[in-house]
């Protein structure tokens, strides 16, 4: 598997394909979606994305649907 560089971050897996602008947009979305986010029920950080639009809070053990990549604030 290819290694990622500091400059290309998670988009390094695409190598020279697709162009800089597309990869920059992808990096922004992926960084935001992978952060732990605030639960709308218990207000604690820890909600993680299970799949597209499905989120789970390990603190209050709730599973709920919301936006695809990150929770609305």
Protein backbone atom coordinates (compact mmCIF):
# COMPACT_ATOMS: atom_id res chain seq x y z
CA UNK A 1 0.00 0.00 0.00
CA UNK A 2 1.40 3.44 -0.88
CA UNK A 3 2.52 5.75 1.88
CA UNK A 4 0.98 9.17 2.51
CA UNK A 5 3.02 12.35 2.48
CA UNK A 6 2.57 15.30 4.83
CA UNK A 7 1.43 17.50 1.97
CA UNK A 8 -1.23 15.23 0.48
CA UNK A 9 -2.49 13.77 3.81
CA UNK A 10 -5.31 11.24 3.36
CA UNK A 11 -5.62 11.99 -0.38
CA UNK A 12 -2.11 10.59 -0.90
CA UNK A 13 -3.70 7.24 -1.64
CA UNK A 14 -4.73 8.58 -5.07
CA UNK A 15 -1.18 9.39 -6.15
CA UNK A 16 -0.93 11.76 -9.12
CA UNK A 17 -4.54 11.23 -10.22
CA UNK A 18 -7.58 13.57 -9.99
CA UNK A 19 -5.82 16.94 -9.46
CA UNK A 20 -5.01 19.15 -6.49
CA UNK A 21 -8.37 20.92 -6.10
CA UNK A 22 -10.39 17.71 -5.89
CA UNK A 23 -7.94 16.19 -3.40
CA UNK A 24 -7.98 19.35 -1.25
CA UNK A 25 -11.79 19.19 -1.02
CA UNK A 26 -11.63 15.53 -0.08
CA UNK A 27 -9.07 16.23 2.67
CA UNK A 28 -11.34 18.89 4.23
CA UNK A 29 -14.38 16.60 4.28
CA UNK A 30 -12.48 13.59 5.63
CA UNK A 31 -10.80 15.56 8.41
CA UNK A 32 -14.15 16.94 9.53
CA UNK A 33 -15.98 13.61 9.38
CA UNK A 34 -13.35 11.70 11.38
CA UNK A 35 -13.34 14.08 14.35
CA UNK A 36 -15.33 13.15 17.41
CA UNK A 37 -18.40 15.32 17.50
CA UNK A 38 -20.89 16.51 20.10
CA UNK A 39 -23.88 14.26 20.81
CA UNK A 40 -27.24 16.04 20.38
CA UNK A 41 -28.71 13.96 23.24
CA UNK A 42 -26.10 13.99 26.03
CA UNK A 43 -24.01 16.96 24.76
CA UNK A 44 -20.69 15.09 25.22
CA UNK A 45 -17.92 14.65 22.67
CA UNK A 46 -17.60 11.16 21.33
CA UNK A 47 -20.11 10.63 18.54
CA UNK A 48 -18.54 8.72 15.68
CA UNK A 49 -19.75 8.02 12.17
CA UNK A 50 -20.65 4.36 11.51
CA UNK A 51 -21.57 4.77 7.86
CA UNK A 52 -23.12 7.35 5.56
CA UNK A 53 -25.58 9.33 7.69
CA UNK A 54 -25.53 6.91 10.65
CA UNK A 55 -23.93 8.06 13.91
CA UNK A 56 -23.44 6.47 17.33
CA UNK A 57 -22.68 7.94 20.74
CA UNK A 58 -20.79 5.49 22.96
CA UNK A 59 -21.58 7.53 26.10
CA UNK A 60 -25.38 7.40 25.96
CA UNK A 61 -25.47 4.43 23.55
CA UNK A 62 -27.80 6.14 21.07
CA UNK A 63 -27.69 5.47 17.35
CA UNK A 64 -29.24 8.10 15.11
CA UNK A 65 -29.34 9.50 11.58
CA UNK A 66 -28.08 12.90 10.52
CA UNK A 67 -26.05 14.43 7.71
CA UNK A 68 -23.78 12.19 5.65
CA UNK A 69 -20.33 13.48 6.61
CA UNK A 70 -20.65 15.57 9.80
CA UNK A 71 -23.32 16.55 12.29
CA UNK A 72 -25.28 19.78 12.00
CA UNK A 73 -24.53 22.33 14.67
